[in-house]
Amino acid sequence: MPMIDVYAAADLLPAGCDRQLGEALTRAVLKAEGVPAPGPFHTNNTAVYIHRMEASAVQTAASAEARTVRIQVITPPGSLQRSGQQQLVKEATEVVASITGDATQAERTWVILTEAAEGGWGMLGTAFGKAEFAVLAAKARGNA
């Protein structure tokens, strides 16, 4: 159940693209985590937060109105292997370039992968770690 934050200048992402962006990033993250067929457990608990900012709120040393996109993906402990990290960064970058309609946007899309600390993922009033997630996953599969 990753959490995804997308930060971009308000005018960089086309109007009406939020659902497409959210669904595509969700699929990419779950695929990278090795979830072959996401069910309600995964799709109801993977959230995408889209932060549209004034153009002047996104800056680099070279530009007062940088055309960058920052995607931060926070995952539960141990959910991404190295190959999943590589796959996710590639796919998330491709999603943004496709949605903006600008292939050069890939050069200005940053993907930051953050893994929650063991026990540092809270939901259902519980601080979850690998053991608690294993129980949830078994319940989702109908094995518990």
Protein backbone atom coordinates (compact mmCIF):
# COMPACT_ATOMS: atom_id res chain seq x y z
CA MET A 1 0.00 0.00 0.00
CA PRO A 2 2.35 2.71 -1.16
CA MET A 3 1.70 6.42 -0.92
CA ILE A 4 2.56 8.51 -3.98
CA ASP A 5 3.04 12.29 -4.06
CA VAL A 6 3.39 14.19 -7.33
CA TYR A 7 4.59 17.80 -7.20
CA ALA A 8 4.43 19.99 -10.31
CA ALA A 9 3.69 23.49 -11.50
CA ALA A 10 -0.08 23.80 -11.88
CA ASP A 11 0.15 24.42 -15.62
CA LEU A 12 2.57 21.59 -16.36
CA LEU A 13 0.08 18.74 -16.03
CA PRO A 14 -2.88 19.02 -18.42
CA ALA A 15 -6.31 19.74 -16.96
CA GLY A 16 -8.32 16.60 -16.36
CA CYS A 17 -5.32 14.25 -16.24
CA ASP A 18 -5.35 13.55 -12.51
CA ARG A 19 -7.22 10.23 -12.68
CA GLN A 20 -5.08 8.97 -15.57
CA LEU A 21 -1.90 10.00 -13.73
CA GLY A 22 -3.04 8.43 -10.46
CA GLU A 23 -4.07 5.14 -12.03
CA ALA A 24 -0.91 4.82 -14.12
CA LEU A 25 1.40 5.53 -11.19
CA THR A 26 -0.56 3.15 -8.95
CA ARG A 27 -0.23 0.35 -11.51
CA ALA A 28 3.50 1.06 -11.90
CA VAL A 29 4.16 0.96 -8.16
CA LEU A 30 2.14 -2.19 -7.51
CA LYS A 31 3.81 -3.91 -10.47
CA ALA A 32 7.23 -2.93 -9.11
CA GLU A 33 6.25 -4.37 -5.72
CA GLY A 34 5.44 -7.66 -7.43
CA VAL A 35 1.65 -7.52 -7.09
CA PRO A 36 0.53 -9.46 -10.20
CA ALA A 37 -3.21 -8.84 -9.88
CA PRO A 38 -4.04 -5.99 -7.52
CA GLY A 39 -7.29 -6.54 -5.67
CA PRO A 40 -9.37 -4.20 -3.52
CA PHE A 41 -6.92 -4.51 -0.62
CA HIS A 42 -4.20 -2.91 -2.76
CA THR A 43 -6.25 -0.51 -4.87
CA ASN A 44 -8.23 0.86 -1.91
CA ASN A 45 -5.07 1.53 0.08
CA THR A 46 -2.67 2.92 -2.52
CA ALA A 47 -3.12 6.68 -2.64
CA VAL A 48 -1.84 9.31 -5.03
CA TYR A 49 -1.67 12.93 -3.90
CA ILE A 50 -1.25 15.43 -6.72
CA HIS A 51 0.21 18.75 -5.60
CA ARG A 52 -0.25 21.49 -8.20
CA MET A 53 1.75 24.58 -7.31
CA GLU A 54 2.18 28.07 -8.68
CA ALA A 55 4.87 27.99 -11.36
CA SER A 56 7.10 30.26 -9.25
CA ALA A 57 6.99 27.72 -6.38
CA VAL A 58 9.10 25.29 -8.42
CA GLN A 59 12.61 26.64 -8.86
CA THR A 60 16.11 25.52 -9.75
CA ALA A 61 19.33 27.52 -9.73
CA ALA A 62 18.81 28.03 -13.47
CA SER A 63 15.14 29.02 -13.51
CA ALA A 64 12.65 30.90 -11.34
CA GLU A 65 9.90 28.77 -12.91
CA ALA A 66 11.42 25.34 -13.40
CA ARG A 67 9.48 22.78 -15.43
CA THR A 68 10.34 19.89 -13.14
CA VAL A 69 8.13 17.17 -11.70
CA ARG A 70 8.91 15.43 -8.43
CA ILE A 71 7.36 12.07 -7.64
CA GLN A 72 7.91 10.66 -4.16
CA VAL A 73 6.86 7.07 -3.54
CA ILE A 74 6.74 5.87 0.06
CA THR A 75 6.53 2.10 0.43
CA PRO A 76 6.20 -0.26 3.38
CA PRO A 77 9.40 -1.88 4.64
CA GLY A 78 11.00 -4.36 2.24
CA SER A 79 8.41 -4.06 -0.52
CA LEU A 80 10.76 -3.04 -3.37
CA GLN A 81 13.71 -5.07 -4.59
CA ARG A 82 16.44 -3.35 -6.66
CA SER A 83 14.87 -4.46 -9.95
CA GLY A 84 11.53 -3.05 -8.79
CA GLN A 85 13.15 0.28 -7.95
CA GLN A 86 14.68 0.50 -11.41
CA GLN A 87 11.44 -0.50 -13.11
CA LEU A 88 9.39 1.97 -11.07
CA VAL A 89 11.64 4.96 -11.74
CA LYS A 90 11.60 4.19 -15.46
CA GLU A 91 7.82 3.71 -15.66
CA ALA A 92 6.94 6.72 -13.48
CA THR A 93 9.15 8.93 -15.64
CA GLU A 94 7.52 7.56 -18.81
CA VAL A 95 4.03 8.18 -17.37
CA VAL A 96 4.81 11.84 -16.71
CA ALA A 97 6.43 12.37 -20.13
CA SER A 98 3.43 10.75 -21.81
CA ILE A 99 0.83 12.75 -19.89
CA THR A 100 2.61 16.06 -20.45
CA GLY A 101 3.03 15.24 -24.13
CA ASP A 102 6.68 16.26 -23.89
CA ALA A 103 9.33 13.54 -24.28
CA THR A 104 11.96 15.93 -22.88
CA GLN A 105 10.03 16.06 -19.59
CA ALA A 106 11.83 12.82 -18.67
CA GLU A 107 14.98 14.95 -18.26
CA ARG A 108 13.17 17.04 -15.64
CA THR A 109 11.27 14.34 -13.75
CA TRP A 110 12.70 13.28 -10.41
CA VAL A 111 11.53 10.08 -8.72
CA ILE A 112 12.37 9.66 -5.06
CA LEU A 113 11.83 6.25 -3.49
CA THR A 114 11.42 6.18 0.27
CA GLU A 115 10.97 3.03 2.33
CA ALA A 116 9.23 3.39 5.68
CA ALA A 117 11.21 2.19 8.66
CA GLU A 118 10.27 -1.16 10.21
CA GLY A 119 7.16 -0.35 12.24
CA GLY A 120 7.03 3.13 10.73
CA TRP A 121 3.94 2.62 8.57
CA GLY A 122 0.70 3.33 10.39
CA MET A 123 -2.82 2.41 9.39
CA LEU A 124 -5.82 0.87 11.09
CA GLY A 125 -4.44 2.38 14.31
CA THR A 126 -1.38 0.10 14.16
CA ALA A 127 2.31 0.73 13.50
CA PHE A 128 2.97 -1.86 10.80
CA GLY A 129 6.18 -3.69 10.05
CA LYS A 130 6.94 -6.74 7.92
CA ALA A 131 5.13 -9.17 10.25
CA GLU A 132 1.93 -7.13 10.37
CA PHE A 133 1.96 -6.66 6.60
CA ALA A 134 2.38 -10.41 6.10
CA VAL A 135 -0.76 -11.00 8.17
CA LEU A 136 -2.69 -8.39 6.17
CA ALA A 137 -1.53 -9.90 2.88
CA ALA A 138 -2.57 -13.38 4.00
CA LYS A 139 -6.00 -12.06 4.95
CA ALA A 140 -6.31 -10.34 1.57
CA ARG A 141 -5.53 -13.66 -0.15
CA GLY A 142 -8.07 -15.41 2.07
CA ASN A 143 -5.41 -17.48 3.83
CA ALA A 144 -6.02 -16.28 7.36
